[in-house]
Protein backbone atom coordinates (compact mmCIF):
# COMPACT_ATOMS: atom_id res chain seq x y z
CA MET A 1 -10.24 -10.41 3.38
CA ALA A 2 -10.83 -6.93 4.83
CA HIS A 3 -7.97 -4.51 5.36
CA GLU A 4 -8.95 -1.32 7.14
CA ARG A 5 -6.07 0.68 5.65
CA ILE A 6 -6.62 -0.53 2.06
CA GLU A 7 -9.42 0.77 -0.15
CA ILE A 8 -10.73 -0.52 -3.47
CA ASN A 9 -13.00 1.95 -5.22
CA PRO A 10 -13.68 2.00 -8.97
CA GLU A 11 -13.63 5.81 -8.83
CA ILE A 12 -10.05 5.91 -7.46
CA MET A 13 -7.10 4.82 -9.60
CA GLY A 14 -9.37 2.67 -11.78
CA GLY A 15 -10.28 0.38 -8.89
CA LYS A 16 -6.71 -0.59 -7.97
CA PRO A 17 -6.16 -1.20 -4.25
CA VAL A 18 -4.83 2.00 -2.66
CA ILE A 19 -3.88 3.17 0.80
CA ARG A 20 -7.18 4.45 2.24
CA GLY A 21 -7.61 8.21 1.92
CA THR A 22 -4.86 8.52 -0.71
CA ARG A 23 -4.28 7.77 -4.36
CA VAL A 24 -1.15 5.73 -3.53
CA PRO A 25 -1.55 2.25 -5.04
CA VAL A 26 -0.58 -0.77 -2.95
CA GLU A 27 1.33 -1.99 -6.00
CA LEU A 28 3.54 1.13 -5.95
CA VAL A 29 4.41 0.66 -2.28
CA LEU A 30 5.27 -3.00 -2.84
CA ARG A 31 7.38 -2.28 -5.93
CA LYS A 32 9.35 0.37 -4.06
CA LEU A 33 9.87 -1.84 -1.02
CA GLY A 34 11.70 -4.62 -2.75
CA GLY A 35 12.41 -6.14 0.67
CA ARG A 36 14.80 -3.40 1.82
CA PRO A 37 13.92 -1.74 5.16
CA SER A 38 15.73 1.49 4.19
CA VAL A 39 13.26 1.87 1.33
CA ARG A 40 10.44 2.26 3.87
CA ARG A 41 11.90 5.57 4.98
CA GLN A 42 12.12 6.73 1.38
CA ILE A 43 8.51 5.75 0.67
CA LEU A 44 7.37 7.69 3.74
CA ALA A 45 9.44 10.69 2.62
CA ASP A 46 8.05 10.50 -0.93
CA HIS A 47 4.45 10.12 0.27
CA PRO A 48 4.05 12.23 3.43
CA ARG A 49 0.43 11.17 3.97
CA LEU A 50 1.52 7.57 4.54
CA VAL A 51 2.59 6.07 7.85
CA LEU A 52 4.47 2.87 8.57
CA ASP A 53 1.19 1.04 9.26
CA ASP A 54 0.12 1.85 5.68
CA ILE A 55 3.21 0.11 4.33
CA ARG A 56 2.59 -2.88 6.58
CA ALA A 57 -1.05 -2.97 5.42
CA ALA A 58 0.07 -3.02 1.78
CA GLN A 59 2.36 -5.95 2.53
CA ALA A 60 -0.40 -7.83 4.41
CA PHE A 61 -2.85 -7.16 1.60
CA ALA A 62 -0.46 -8.57 -0.97
CA GLY A 63 0.26 -11.57 1.25
CA GLY A 64 -3.46 -12.29 1.46
CA LEU A 65 -3.77 -12.16 -2.32
CA SER A 66 -0.94 -14.64 -2.82
CA ARG A 67 -2.62 -17.14 -0.49
CA GLY A 68 -5.83 -16.90 -2.52
């Protein structure tokens, strides 16, 4: 499943999925989210290169993984 905002590159963060153009792992975004919308604002504040679509892409990526 292709996600245009998610990148997997063995040279970046050991091949973990990251938000394209950053070193921010999808896993980090998902851990911080924890299902609380207010956390989105904090993630964007902590990682100024991210936009809301990056957070949504991380969630969609993880959803695709869970469906196999």
